Amino acid sequence: MEAITSLKSIQLDALRETANIGAGHAATALSQMTGSRIMIDVPSIQVLRLEALPEQFSAEEEPVAAVMMHMLGDMSGRTLLVFPRPTVMRLAELMLRRPLGSSVALGELEASAIKEAGNILSGAYLNALSDFLGMLLLPSPPSLVVDLSAAVLSSAFAQFAHDPDCIVCVETEFTLLDRADTLRGFFLLLPEPASLQSMLRALRLA
């Protein structure tokens, strides 16, 4: 944990630029799918402890939606793309090309749309990270969990032998240029301990 939390600013900047590249590819793909002009920015990247995460997403009593994927290949672990509820409904409307405010519940169609958006975004981030680290990173098919943020994280960590040593959190802002609106989400990278060491070696820290 000490090594990853002591990342130098130049290394965090490199990871942020990598995330920006992934966000750019995802914005292009989502714009083509939705027929709307979407710009995705990465305002921050942090390495956080488990207990610091839920407060990043939303109020404790408000549910979030998380698109979960296994990370396979040269590194193993999980990825989560977490959306606060307002972002979930707005993003579902975009994916389904519905009018603003027309979706009031997360039904089967909305859930499928959110999973597809999460698949695009997480895949774009992993591809960019794969290129940056020089490693093969493959995402599994996505699954969707809707619950309070603490419960979502517990579900994501269930297959780990212990809590992850660190969680890389990329805050993502979606600017809907056609609607002059901004949404946000969080991409989380949870590497297994051995994969964390591989990541640190690629960053020349281990």
N, C-alpha and C. Protein backbone atom coordinates (compact mmCIF):
# COMPACT_ATOMS: atom_id res chain seq x y z
N MET A 1 0.84 -1.21 0.00
CA MET A 1 0.00 0.00 0.00
C MET A 1 0.87 1.25 0.00
N GLU A 2 2.00 1.20 0.73
CA GLU A 2 2.85 2.38 0.81
C GLU A 2 3.39 2.77 -0.56
N ALA A 3 3.76 1.76 -1.38
CA ALA A 3 4.35 2.06 -2.69
C ALA A 3 3.35 2.74 -3.60
N ILE A 4 2.14 2.24 -3.64
CA ILE A 4 1.16 2.79 -4.58
C ILE A 4 0.67 4.16 -4.12
N THR A 5 0.58 4.37 -2.80
CA THR A 5 0.12 5.67 -2.33
C THR A 5 1.20 6.73 -2.42
N SER A 6 2.44 6.29 -2.67
CA SER A 6 3.53 7.26 -2.81
C SER A 6 3.87 7.52 -4.29
N LEU A 7 2.91 7.23 -5.16
CA LEU A 7 3.12 7.54 -6.57
C LEU A 7 3.52 9.00 -6.73
N LYS A 8 4.53 9.23 -7.54
CA LYS A 8 4.96 10.59 -7.80
C LYS A 8 3.97 11.28 -8.73
N SER A 9 3.94 12.59 -8.68
CA SER A 9 2.97 13.33 -9.48
C SER A 9 3.13 13.04 -10.96
N ILE A 10 4.37 12.83 -11.42
CA ILE A 10 4.58 12.57 -12.84
C ILE A 10 3.96 11.22 -13.24
N GLN A 11 3.96 10.26 -12.30
CA GLN A 11 3.37 8.96 -12.60
C GLN A 11 1.85 9.01 -12.55
N LEU A 12 1.31 9.76 -11.60
CA LEU A 12 -0.13 9.98 -11.57
C LEU A 12 -0.58 10.73 -12.82
N ASP A 13 0.22 11.69 -13.25
CA ASP A 13 -0.11 12.42 -14.48
C ASP A 13 -0.13 11.48 -15.68
N ALA A 14 0.80 10.52 -15.71
CA ALA A 14 0.83 9.56 -16.80
C ALA A 14 -0.42 8.69 -16.78
N LEU A 15 -0.83 8.26 -15.59
CA LEU A 15 -2.06 7.47 -15.48
C LEU A 15 -3.28 8.29 -15.85
N ARG A 16 -3.28 9.57 -15.47
CA ARG A 16 -4.40 10.44 -15.83
C ARG A 16 -4.48 10.63 -17.33
N GLU A 17 -3.34 10.82 -17.97
CA GLU A 17 -3.33 10.97 -19.42
C GLU A 17 -3.80 9.69 -20.10
N THR A 18 -3.41 8.54 -19.54
CA THR A 18 -3.89 7.26 -20.07
C THR A 18 -5.41 7.17 -19.96
N ALA A 19 -5.94 7.58 -18.81
CA ALA A 19 -7.40 7.58 -18.63
C ALA A 19 -8.06 8.55 -19.58
N ASN A 20 -7.43 9.69 -19.83
CA ASN A 20 -7.99 10.66 -20.78
C ASN A 20 -8.08 10.08 -22.18
N ILE A 21 -7.07 9.30 -22.56
CA ILE A 21 -7.10 8.66 -23.88
C ILE A 21 -8.27 7.68 -23.95
N GLY A 22 -8.42 6.87 -22.91
CA GLY A 22 -9.54 5.94 -22.87
C GLY A 22 -10.88 6.66 -22.90
N ALA A 23 -10.97 7.76 -22.15
CA ALA A 23 -12.21 8.54 -22.12
C ALA A 23 -12.54 9.10 -23.50
N GLY A 24 -11.52 9.53 -24.23
CA GLY A 24 -11.76 10.06 -25.57
C GLY A 24 -12.33 9.01 -26.50
N HIS A 25 -11.77 7.79 -26.43
CA HIS A 25 -12.30 6.70 -27.27
C HIS A 25 -13.73 6.36 -26.87
N ALA A 26 -14.00 6.34 -25.56
CA ALA A 26 -15.34 6.02 -25.08
C ALA A 26 -16.34 7.09 -25.50
N ALA A 27 -15.93 8.37 -25.45
CA ALA A 27 -16.82 9.45 -25.85
C ALA A 27 -17.21 9.31 -27.31
N THR A 28 -16.26 8.97 -28.15
CA THR A 28 -16.55 8.79 -29.58
C THR A 28 -17.55 7.66 -29.78
N ALA A 29 -17.32 6.53 -29.10
CA ALA A 29 -18.21 5.37 -29.25
C ALA A 29 -19.61 5.69 -28.74
N LEU A 30 -19.71 6.35 -27.57
CA LEU A 30 -21.02 6.68 -27.01
C LEU A 30 -21.75 7.71 -27.87
N SER A 31 -21.02 8.66 -28.43
CA SER A 31 -21.65 9.66 -29.30
C SER A 31 -22.25 9.00 -30.53
N GLN A 32 -21.53 8.04 -31.08
CA GLN A 32 -22.04 7.33 -32.25
C GLN A 32 -23.27 6.50 -31.91
N MET A 33 -23.27 5.89 -30.73
CA MET A 33 -24.40 5.04 -30.33
C MET A 33 -25.64 5.85 -29.99
N THR A 34 -25.45 7.01 -29.36
CA THR A 34 -26.59 7.79 -28.87
C THR A 34 -27.06 8.86 -29.84
N GLY A 35 -26.22 9.21 -30.80
CA GLY A 35 -26.58 10.29 -31.71
C GLY A 35 -26.47 11.65 -31.04
N SER A 36 -25.82 11.71 -29.88
CA SER A 36 -25.63 12.96 -29.14
C SER A 36 -24.15 13.28 -29.04
N ARG A 37 -23.84 14.56 -28.91
CA ARG A 37 -22.45 14.96 -28.74
C ARG A 37 -22.08 14.85 -27.26
N ILE A 38 -21.14 13.98 -26.98
CA ILE A 38 -20.72 13.71 -25.61
C ILE A 38 -19.22 13.94 -25.49
N MET A 39 -18.82 14.66 -24.47
CA MET A 39 -17.41 14.84 -24.17
C MET A 39 -17.16 14.26 -22.77
N ILE A 40 -16.11 13.46 -22.63
CA ILE A 40 -15.79 12.84 -21.35
C ILE A 40 -14.44 13.37 -20.88
N ASP A 41 -14.41 13.90 -19.65
CA ASP A 41 -13.19 14.41 -19.05
C ASP A 41 -12.82 13.57 -17.83
N VAL A 42 -11.55 13.54 -17.50
CA VAL A 42 -11.05 12.87 -16.30
C VAL A 42 -10.51 13.96 -15.37
N PRO A 43 -11.34 14.48 -14.46
CA PRO A 43 -10.87 15.59 -13.62
C PRO A 43 -9.92 15.16 -12.52
N SER A 44 -9.98 13.89 -12.08
CA SER A 44 -9.08 13.48 -11.00
C SER A 44 -8.83 11.99 -11.04
N ILE A 45 -7.67 11.59 -10.56
CA ILE A 45 -7.33 10.18 -10.36
C ILE A 45 -6.68 10.07 -8.99
N GLN A 46 -7.19 9.16 -8.18
CA GLN A 46 -6.71 9.03 -6.80
C GLN A 46 -6.48 7.56 -6.47
N VAL A 47 -5.60 7.32 -5.52
CA VAL A 47 -5.45 5.99 -4.93
C VAL A 47 -6.03 6.07 -3.53
N LEU A 48 -7.10 5.31 -3.29
CA LEU A 48 -7.86 5.46 -2.06
C LEU A 48 -7.91 4.16 -1.27
N ARG A 49 -8.12 4.31 0.02
CA ARG A 49 -8.41 3.15 0.86
C ARG A 49 -9.89 2.81 0.74
N LEU A 50 -10.22 1.58 1.07
CA LEU A 50 -11.59 1.09 0.94
C LEU A 50 -12.59 1.99 1.64
N GLU A 51 -12.29 2.37 2.87
CA GLU A 51 -13.26 3.12 3.66
C GLU A 51 -13.51 4.52 3.13
N ALA A 52 -12.64 5.01 2.24
CA ALA A 52 -12.81 6.36 1.70
C ALA A 52 -13.70 6.38 0.47
N LEU A 53 -14.09 5.20 -0.04
CA LEU A 53 -14.77 5.18 -1.32
C LEU A 53 -16.25 5.57 -1.30
N PRO A 54 -17.10 5.00 -0.43
CA PRO A 54 -18.53 5.27 -0.56
C PRO A 54 -18.89 6.75 -0.59
N GLU A 55 -18.22 7.57 0.23
CA GLU A 55 -18.55 8.99 0.28
C GLU A 55 -18.22 9.70 -1.03
N GLN A 56 -17.39 9.07 -1.87
CA GLN A 56 -17.07 9.68 -3.16
C GLN A 56 -18.25 9.63 -4.13
N PHE A 57 -19.14 8.64 -3.94
CA PHE A 57 -20.15 8.37 -4.95
C PHE A 57 -21.43 9.19 -4.76
N SER A 58 -22.03 9.10 -3.58
CA SER A 58 -23.30 9.77 -3.34
C SER A 58 -23.60 9.69 -1.85
N ALA A 59 -24.72 10.30 -1.46
CA ALA A 59 -25.14 10.19 -0.07
C ALA A 59 -25.35 8.71 0.28
N GLU A 60 -25.06 8.33 1.54
CA GLU A 60 -25.10 6.92 1.92
C GLU A 60 -26.47 6.29 1.69
N GLU A 61 -27.53 7.07 1.81
CA GLU A 61 -28.86 6.49 1.67
C GLU A 61 -29.34 6.41 0.22
N GLU A 62 -28.55 6.92 -0.69
CA GLU A 62 -28.96 6.92 -2.10
C GLU A 62 -28.28 5.78 -2.85
N PRO A 63 -29.06 4.98 -3.60
CA PRO A 63 -28.45 3.86 -4.32
C PRO A 63 -27.59 4.34 -5.49
N VAL A 64 -26.65 3.48 -5.86
CA VAL A 64 -25.81 3.71 -7.03
C VAL A 64 -25.93 2.48 -7.93
N ALA A 65 -25.51 2.63 -9.16
CA ALA A 65 -25.45 1.51 -10.09
C ALA A 65 -23.99 1.27 -10.44
N ALA A 66 -23.58 0.02 -10.44
CA ALA A 66 -22.20 -0.32 -10.73
C ALA A 66 -22.14 -1.40 -11.80
N VAL A 67 -21.38 -1.13 -12.85
CA VAL A 67 -21.11 -2.13 -13.88
C VAL A 67 -19.80 -2.80 -13.51
N MET A 68 -19.86 -4.10 -13.21
CA MET A 68 -18.69 -4.85 -12.76
C MET A 68 -18.15 -5.74 -13.86
N MET A 69 -16.83 -5.85 -13.93
CA MET A 69 -16.18 -6.73 -14.89
C MET A 69 -14.95 -7.35 -14.24
N HIS A 70 -14.67 -8.61 -14.58
CA HIS A 70 -13.40 -9.22 -14.20
C HIS A 70 -12.32 -8.75 -15.16
N MET A 71 -11.13 -8.55 -14.63
CA MET A 71 -9.98 -8.20 -15.46
C MET A 71 -9.12 -9.46 -15.63
N LEU A 72 -8.88 -9.83 -16.88
CA LEU A 72 -8.15 -11.05 -17.20
C LEU A 72 -6.92 -10.71 -18.03
N GLY A 73 -6.09 -11.72 -18.29
CA GLY A 73 -4.89 -11.49 -19.10
C GLY A 73 -3.65 -11.42 -18.23
N ASP A 74 -2.78 -10.43 -18.50
CA ASP A 74 -1.53 -10.30 -17.75
C ASP A 74 -1.74 -9.76 -16.34
N MET A 75 -2.90 -9.17 -16.08
CA MET A 75 -3.27 -8.74 -14.73
C MET A 75 -4.65 -9.27 -14.42
N SER A 76 -4.90 -9.54 -13.14
CA SER A 76 -6.22 -10.00 -12.73
C SER A 76 -6.76 -9.08 -11.63
N GLY A 77 -8.07 -9.06 -11.53
CA GLY A 77 -8.73 -8.21 -10.55
C GLY A 77 -10.14 -7.90 -11.02
N ARG A 78 -10.68 -6.80 -10.53
CA ARG A 78 -12.03 -6.37 -10.91
C ARG A 78 -11.98 -4.91 -11.34
N THR A 79 -12.91 -4.55 -12.18
CA THR A 79 -13.15 -3.13 -12.46
C THR A 79 -14.61 -2.83 -12.16
N LEU A 80 -14.86 -1.63 -11.68
CA LEU A 80 -16.22 -1.16 -11.45
C LEU A 80 -16.37 0.21 -12.08
N LEU A 81 -17.50 0.41 -12.70
CA LEU A 81 -17.87 1.74 -13.17
C LEU A 81 -19.11 2.12 -12.38
N VAL A 82 -18.97 3.07 -11.48
CA VAL A 82 -20.04 3.41 -10.53
C VAL A 82 -20.70 4.73 -10.93
N PHE A 83 -22.03 4.69 -11.03
CA PHE A 83 -22.81 5.87 -11.39
C PHE A 83 -23.78 6.22 -10.27
N PRO A 84 -23.78 7.47 -9.79
CA PRO A 84 -24.86 7.92 -8.90
C PRO A 84 -26.19 7.85 -9.64
N ARG A 85 -27.29 7.77 -8.90
CA ARG A 85 -28.61 7.56 -9.50
C ARG A 85 -28.95 8.60 -10.59
N PRO A 86 -28.74 9.91 -10.38
CA PRO A 86 -29.10 10.86 -11.44
C PRO A 86 -28.38 10.58 -12.76
N THR A 87 -27.12 10.16 -12.67
CA THR A 87 -26.37 9.84 -13.88
C THR A 87 -26.94 8.59 -14.55
N VAL A 88 -27.33 7.61 -13.74
CA VAL A 88 -27.87 6.36 -14.30
C VAL A 88 -29.07 6.64 -15.19
N MET A 89 -30.03 7.38 -14.69
CA MET A 89 -31.26 7.60 -15.45
C MET A 89 -30.99 8.44 -16.70
N ARG A 90 -30.15 9.45 -16.57
CA ARG A 90 -29.84 10.31 -17.71
C ARG A 90 -29.08 9.54 -18.79
N LEU A 91 -28.15 8.69 -18.35
CA LEU A 91 -27.36 7.92 -19.30
C LEU A 91 -28.23 6.87 -20.00
N ALA A 92 -29.17 6.28 -19.26
CA ALA A 92 -30.10 5.33 -19.87
C ALA A 92 -30.94 6.01 -20.95
N GLU A 93 -31.40 7.23 -20.66
CA GLU A 93 -32.19 7.97 -21.66
C GLU A 93 -31.37 8.24 -22.91
N LEU A 94 -30.10 8.59 -22.72
CA LEU A 94 -29.23 8.83 -23.88
C LEU A 94 -29.06 7.57 -24.72
N MET A 95 -28.75 6.47 -24.05
CA MET A 95 -28.51 5.21 -24.75
C MET A 95 -29.75 4.74 -25.50
N LEU A 96 -30.94 5.00 -24.91
CA LEU A 96 -32.19 4.56 -25.53
C LEU A 96 -32.82 5.64 -26.40
N ARG A 97 -32.12 6.80 -26.50
CA ARG A 97 -32.59 7.94 -27.31
C ARG A 97 -33.99 8.38 -26.90
N ARG A 98 -34.17 8.53 -25.60
CA ARG A 98 -35.44 8.99 -25.05
C ARG A 98 -35.33 10.45 -24.65
N PRO A 99 -36.46 11.15 -24.54
CA PRO A 99 -36.44 12.56 -24.10
C PRO A 99 -35.94 12.68 -22.65
N LEU A 100 -35.34 13.80 -22.35
CA LEU A 100 -34.84 14.08 -21.02
C LEU A 100 -35.97 14.01 -20.00
N GLY A 101 -35.76 13.25 -18.91
CA GLY A 101 -36.75 13.14 -17.85
C GLY A 101 -37.84 12.12 -18.08
N SER A 102 -37.75 11.36 -19.16
CA SER A 102 -38.82 10.41 -19.49
C SER A 102 -38.67 9.08 -18.76
N SER A 103 -37.48 8.79 -18.22
CA SER A 103 -37.25 7.53 -17.52
C SER A 103 -37.32 7.76 -16.02
N VAL A 104 -38.18 6.99 -15.35
CA VAL A 104 -38.36 7.17 -13.90
C VAL A 104 -37.95 5.94 -13.11
N ALA A 105 -37.70 4.82 -13.79
CA ALA A 105 -37.31 3.60 -13.10
C ALA A 105 -36.28 2.85 -13.93
N LEU A 106 -35.48 2.06 -13.25
CA LEU A 106 -34.44 1.29 -13.92
C LEU A 106 -34.99 -0.10 -14.23
N GLY A 107 -35.67 -0.19 -15.38
CA GLY A 107 -36.23 -1.46 -15.82
C GLY A 107 -35.22 -2.27 -16.61
N GLU A 108 -35.72 -3.33 -17.25
CA GLU A 108 -34.83 -4.24 -17.98
C GLU A 108 -34.12 -3.54 -19.13
N LEU A 109 -34.84 -2.72 -19.87
CA LEU A 109 -34.22 -2.00 -21.00
C LEU A 109 -33.16 -1.02 -20.51
N GLU A 110 -33.50 -0.28 -19.45
CA GLU A 110 -32.55 0.70 -18.91
C GLU A 110 -31.30 0.00 -18.39
N ALA A 111 -31.49 -1.12 -17.69
CA ALA A 111 -30.35 -1.85 -17.15
C ALA A 111 -29.44 -2.36 -18.27
N SER A 112 -30.05 -2.85 -19.34
CA SER A 112 -29.26 -3.33 -20.48
C SER A 112 -28.46 -2.19 -21.11
N ALA A 113 -29.08 -1.01 -21.19
CA ALA A 113 -28.40 0.15 -21.77
C ALA A 113 -27.22 0.59 -20.90
N ILE A 114 -27.42 0.57 -19.58
CA ILE A 114 -26.34 0.96 -18.66
C ILE A 114 -25.18 -0.04 -18.74
N LYS A 115 -25.50 -1.32 -18.84
CA LYS A 115 -24.44 -2.33 -18.97
C LYS A 115 -23.64 -2.11 -20.25
N GLU A 116 -24.33 -1.76 -21.33
CA GLU A 116 -23.62 -1.53 -22.59
C GLU A 116 -22.73 -0.29 -22.49
N ALA A 117 -23.24 0.76 -21.86
CA ALA A 117 -22.42 1.97 -21.67
C ALA A 117 -21.21 1.65 -20.80
N GLY A 118 -21.43 0.88 -19.74
CA GLY A 118 -20.32 0.49 -18.87
C GLY A 118 -19.31 -0.38 -19.58
N ASN A 119 -19.79 -1.24 -20.45
CA ASN A 119 -18.91 -2.10 -21.24
C ASN A 119 -18.00 -1.26 -22.14
N ILE A 120 -18.58 -0.25 -22.77
CA ILE A 120 -17.82 0.64 -23.66
C ILE A 120 -16.77 1.42 -22.87
N LEU A 121 -17.20 2.02 -21.76
CA LEU A 121 -16.30 2.85 -20.97
C LEU A 121 -15.18 2.04 -20.33
N SER A 122 -15.54 0.95 -19.66
CA SER A 122 -14.53 0.14 -18.99
C SER A 122 -13.56 -0.47 -20.01
N GLY A 123 -14.10 -0.92 -21.14
CA GLY A 123 -13.24 -1.48 -22.18
C GLY A 123 -12.26 -0.45 -22.72
N ALA A 124 -12.73 0.79 -22.89
CA ALA A 124 -11.85 1.85 -23.40
C ALA A 124 -10.74 2.16 -22.40
N TYR A 125 -11.09 2.23 -21.11
CA TYR A 125 -10.08 2.49 -20.08
C TYR A 125 -9.06 1.36 -20.01
N LEU A 126 -9.53 0.11 -20.06
CA LEU A 126 -8.61 -1.02 -19.99
C LEU A 126 -7.71 -1.09 -21.22
N ASN A 127 -8.24 -0.79 -22.39
CA ASN A 127 -7.42 -0.78 -23.60
C ASN A 127 -6.30 0.26 -23.50
N ALA A 128 -6.66 1.45 -22.99
CA ALA A 128 -5.66 2.50 -22.85
C ALA A 128 -4.60 2.10 -21.82
N LEU A 129 -5.05 1.49 -20.70
CA LEU A 129 -4.11 1.05 -19.67
C LEU A 129 -3.22 -0.09 -20.19
N SER A 130 -3.81 -0.96 -21.00
CA SER A 130 -3.05 -2.05 -21.61
C SER A 130 -1.92 -1.52 -22.47
N ASP A 131 -2.24 -0.52 -23.29
CA ASP A 131 -1.20 0.08 -24.14
C ASP A 131 -0.12 0.75 -23.31
N PHE A 132 -0.54 1.45 -22.24
CA PHE A 132 0.41 2.19 -21.41
C PHE A 132 1.35 1.25 -20.65
N LEU A 133 0.80 0.16 -20.10
CA LEU A 133 1.61 -0.77 -19.30
C LEU A 133 2.33 -1.80 -20.16
N GLY A 134 1.91 -1.94 -21.42
CA GLY A 134 2.49 -2.97 -22.26
C GLY A 134 2.05 -4.35 -21.84
N MET A 135 0.81 -4.46 -21.35
CA MET A 135 0.27 -5.74 -20.87
C MET A 135 -1.05 -6.02 -21.59
N LEU A 136 -1.37 -7.32 -21.68
CA LEU A 136 -2.64 -7.72 -22.24
C LEU A 136 -3.69 -7.71 -21.13
N LEU A 137 -4.68 -6.84 -21.25
CA LEU A 137 -5.77 -6.75 -20.27
C LEU A 137 -7.08 -6.99 -20.99
N LEU A 138 -7.82 -7.99 -20.54
CA LEU A 138 -9.07 -8.38 -21.20
C LEU A 138 -10.23 -8.28 -20.21
N PRO A 139 -11.32 -7.61 -20.60
CA PRO A 139 -12.49 -7.53 -19.72
C PRO A 139 -13.44 -8.71 -19.94
N SER A 140 -14.08 -9.15 -18.87
CA SER A 140 -15.13 -10.15 -18.96
C SER A 140 -16.44 -9.46 -19.37
N PRO A 141 -17.49 -10.23 -19.71
CA PRO A 141 -18.80 -9.61 -19.92
C PRO A 141 -19.24 -8.86 -18.65
N PRO A 142 -19.95 -7.75 -18.81
CA PRO A 142 -20.33 -6.94 -17.64
C PRO A 142 -21.52 -7.50 -16.89
N SER A 143 -21.58 -7.18 -15.60
CA SER A 143 -22.76 -7.44 -14.78
C SER A 143 -23.14 -6.13 -14.09
N LEU A 144 -24.40 -5.98 -13.77
CA LEU A 144 -24.90 -4.73 -13.17
C LEU A 144 -25.43 -4.99 -11.78
N VAL A 145 -25.01 -4.15 -10.83
CA VAL A 145 -25.50 -4.21 -9.46
C VAL A 145 -26.05 -2.84 -9.09
N VAL A 146 -27.26 -2.81 -8.54
CA VAL A 146 -27.86 -1.56 -8.06
C VAL A 146 -28.14 -1.72 -6.57
N ASP A 147 -27.50 -0.89 -5.76
CA ASP A 147 -27.64 -1.01 -4.31
C ASP A 147 -26.99 0.22 -3.69
N LEU A 148 -26.99 0.29 -2.35
CA LEU A 148 -26.26 1.33 -1.67
C LEU A 148 -24.77 1.14 -1.94
N SER A 149 -24.01 2.23 -1.91
CA SER A 149 -22.61 2.16 -2.34
C SER A 149 -21.80 1.16 -1.53
N ALA A 150 -22.02 1.09 -0.21
CA ALA A 150 -21.26 0.16 0.62
C ALA A 150 -21.56 -1.29 0.23
N ALA A 151 -22.83 -1.58 -0.09
CA ALA A 151 -23.22 -2.94 -0.49
C ALA A 151 -22.63 -3.28 -1.85
N VAL A 152 -22.58 -2.32 -2.75
CA VAL A 152 -21.99 -2.55 -4.07
C VAL A 152 -20.52 -2.91 -3.93
N LEU A 153 -19.81 -2.19 -3.08
CA LEU A 153 -18.39 -2.47 -2.89
C LEU A 153 -18.18 -3.82 -2.22
N SER A 154 -19.03 -4.17 -1.26
CA SER A 154 -18.93 -5.48 -0.61
C SER A 154 -19.10 -6.60 -1.62
N SER A 155 -20.04 -6.42 -2.53
CA SER A 155 -20.27 -7.41 -3.58
C SER A 155 -19.05 -7.53 -4.49
N ALA A 156 -18.45 -6.41 -4.82
CA ALA A 156 -17.28 -6.42 -5.71
C ALA A 156 -16.09 -7.10 -5.06
N PHE A 157 -15.95 -6.95 -3.73
CA PHE A 157 -14.80 -7.49 -3.03
C PHE A 157 -14.99 -8.93 -2.59
N ALA A 158 -16.19 -9.49 -2.82
CA ALA A 158 -16.52 -10.81 -2.27
C ALA A 158 -15.57 -11.89 -2.73
N GLN A 159 -15.02 -11.76 -3.95
CA GLN A 159 -14.17 -12.81 -4.49
C GLN A 159 -12.68 -12.60 -4.17
N PHE A 160 -12.36 -11.53 -3.44
CA PHE A 160 -10.99 -11.31 -3.02
C PHE A 160 -10.73 -12.06 -1.71
N ALA A 161 -9.52 -12.59 -1.56
CA ALA A 161 -9.18 -13.27 -0.31
C ALA A 161 -9.17 -12.27 0.86
N HIS A 162 -8.86 -11.02 0.56
CA HIS A 162 -8.87 -9.96 1.56
C HIS A 162 -9.16 -8.66 0.83
N ASP A 163 -9.39 -7.60 1.56
CA ASP A 163 -9.65 -6.32 0.91
C ASP A 163 -8.48 -5.94 0.02
N PRO A 164 -8.74 -5.36 -1.15
CA PRO A 164 -7.64 -4.96 -2.03
C PRO A 164 -6.68 -4.01 -1.32
N ASP A 165 -5.38 -4.14 -1.65
CA ASP A 165 -4.38 -3.29 -1.03
C ASP A 165 -4.57 -1.82 -1.40
N CYS A 166 -5.11 -1.58 -2.58
CA CYS A 166 -5.37 -0.20 -2.99
C CYS A 166 -6.44 -0.22 -4.06
N ILE A 167 -7.09 0.91 -4.23
CA ILE A 167 -8.11 1.05 -5.26
C ILE A 167 -7.79 2.33 -6.03
N VAL A 168 -7.60 2.19 -7.32
CA VAL A 168 -7.37 3.35 -8.17
C VAL A 168 -8.73 3.87 -8.62
N CYS A 169 -9.02 5.12 -8.30
CA CYS A 169 -10.33 5.72 -8.57
C CYS A 169 -10.17 6.86 -9.58
N VAL A 170 -10.81 6.72 -10.72
CA VAL A 170 -10.79 7.74 -11.76
C VAL A 170 -12.16 8.40 -11.82
N GLU A 171 -12.25 9.65 -11.39
CA GLU A 171 -13.51 10.37 -11.51
C GLU A 171 -13.69 10.83 -12.94
N THR A 172 -14.88 10.61 -13.48
CA THR A 172 -15.16 10.86 -14.89
C THR A 172 -16.36 11.79 -15.01
N GLU A 173 -16.23 12.82 -15.82
CA GLU A 173 -17.35 13.75 -16.07
C GLU A 173 -17.81 13.63 -17.51
N PHE A 174 -19.12 13.48 -17.68
CA PHE A 174 -19.73 13.42 -19.00
C PHE A 174 -20.39 14.76 -19.28
N THR A 175 -19.96 15.45 -20.29
CA THR A 175 -20.61 16.70 -20.69
C THR A 175 -21.47 16.41 -21.91
N LEU A 176 -22.78 16.63 -21.75
CA LEU A 176 -23.73 16.41 -22.84
C LEU A 176 -23.88 17.73 -23.58
N LEU A 177 -23.16 17.88 -24.67
CA LEU A 177 -23.08 19.16 -25.35
C LEU A 177 -24.43 19.59 -25.92
N ASP A 178 -25.27 18.62 -26.30
CA ASP A 178 -26.59 18.96 -26.86
C ASP A 178 -27.54 19.48 -25.80
N ARG A 179 -27.27 19.15 -24.52
CA ARG A 179 -28.20 19.49 -23.44
C ARG A 179 -27.57 20.43 -22.41
N ALA A 180 -26.31 20.81 -22.62
CA ALA A 180 -25.61 21.68 -21.68
C ALA A 180 -25.72 21.13 -20.26
N ASP A 181 -25.44 19.84 -20.11
CA ASP A 181 -25.56 19.18 -18.82
C ASP A 181 -24.29 18.38 -18.56
N THR A 182 -23.95 18.19 -17.29
CA THR A 182 -22.78 17.42 -16.91
C THR A 182 -23.17 16.34 -15.92
N LEU A 183 -22.73 15.12 -16.20
CA LEU A 183 -22.95 13.98 -15.33
C LEU A 183 -21.60 13.48 -14.84
N ARG A 184 -21.61 12.56 -13.87
CA ARG A 184 -20.33 12.03 -13.41
C ARG A 184 -20.43 10.57 -13.05
N GLY A 185 -19.29 9.92 -13.10
CA GLY A 185 -19.18 8.53 -12.72
C GLY A 185 -17.78 8.27 -12.20
N PHE A 186 -17.54 7.05 -11.72
CA PHE A 186 -16.25 6.70 -11.14
C PHE A 186 -15.82 5.34 -11.68
N PHE A 187 -14.62 5.30 -12.27
CA PHE A 187 -14.05 4.04 -12.72
C PHE A 187 -13.07 3.56 -11.66
N LEU A 188 -13.29 2.36 -11.15
CA LEU A 188 -12.43 1.80 -10.10
C LEU A 188 -11.66 0.61 -10.64
N LEU A 189 -10.38 0.59 -10.36
CA LEU A 189 -9.52 -0.53 -10.72
C LEU A 189 -9.06 -1.21 -9.44
N LEU A 190 -9.39 -2.50 -9.28
CA LEU A 190 -9.07 -3.25 -8.07
C LEU A 190 -8.17 -4.43 -8.46
N PRO A 191 -6.87 -4.24 -8.53
CA PRO A 191 -5.98 -5.33 -8.93
C PRO A 191 -5.74 -6.32 -7.78
N GLU A 192 -5.58 -7.58 -8.14
CA GLU A 192 -5.13 -8.57 -7.17
C GLU A 192 -3.70 -8.21 -6.73
N PRO A 193 -3.26 -8.67 -5.53
CA PRO A 193 -1.93 -8.28 -5.04
C PRO A 193 -0.80 -8.55 -6.03
N ALA A 194 -0.77 -9.72 -6.66
CA ALA A 194 0.30 -10.02 -7.62
C ALA A 194 0.24 -9.08 -8.82
N SER A 195 -0.99 -8.76 -9.24
CA SER A 195 -1.15 -7.86 -10.38
C SER A 195 -0.77 -6.43 -10.02
N LEU A 196 -1.01 -6.06 -8.76
CA LEU A 196 -0.58 -4.74 -8.31
C LEU A 196 0.94 -4.62 -8.41
N GLN A 197 1.66 -5.67 -8.04
CA GLN A 197 3.10 -5.63 -8.14
C GLN A 197 3.56 -5.53 -9.60
N SER A 198 2.86 -6.21 -10.50
CA SER A 198 3.18 -6.11 -11.92
C SER A 198 2.95 -4.68 -12.41
N MET A 199 1.88 -4.06 -11.93
CA MET A 199 1.58 -2.69 -12.31
C MET A 199 2.65 -1.74 -11.79
N LEU A 200 3.10 -1.98 -10.54
CA LEU A 200 4.14 -1.14 -9.96
C LEU A 200 5.46 -1.30 -10.72
N ARG A 201 5.76 -2.52 -11.14
CA ARG A 201 7.00 -2.72 -11.91
C ARG A 201 6.91 -1.99 -13.25
N ALA A 202 5.73 -2.01 -13.86
CA ALA A 202 5.57 -1.29 -15.13
C ALA A 202 5.72 0.21 -14.93
N LEU A 203 5.37 0.68 -13.72
CA LEU A 203 5.56 2.09 -13.38
C LEU A 203 6.94 2.37 -12.78
N ARG A 204 7.76 1.31 -12.70
CA ARG A 204 9.13 1.40 -12.18
C ARG A 204 9.15 1.84 -10.72
N LEU A 205 8.23 1.26 -9.95
CA LEU A 205 8.18 1.56 -8.52
C LEU A 205 8.51 0.36 -7.65
N ALA A 206 8.49 -0.83 -8.26
CA ALA A 206 8.69 -2.03 -7.45
C ALA A 206 10.00 -2.72 -7.84
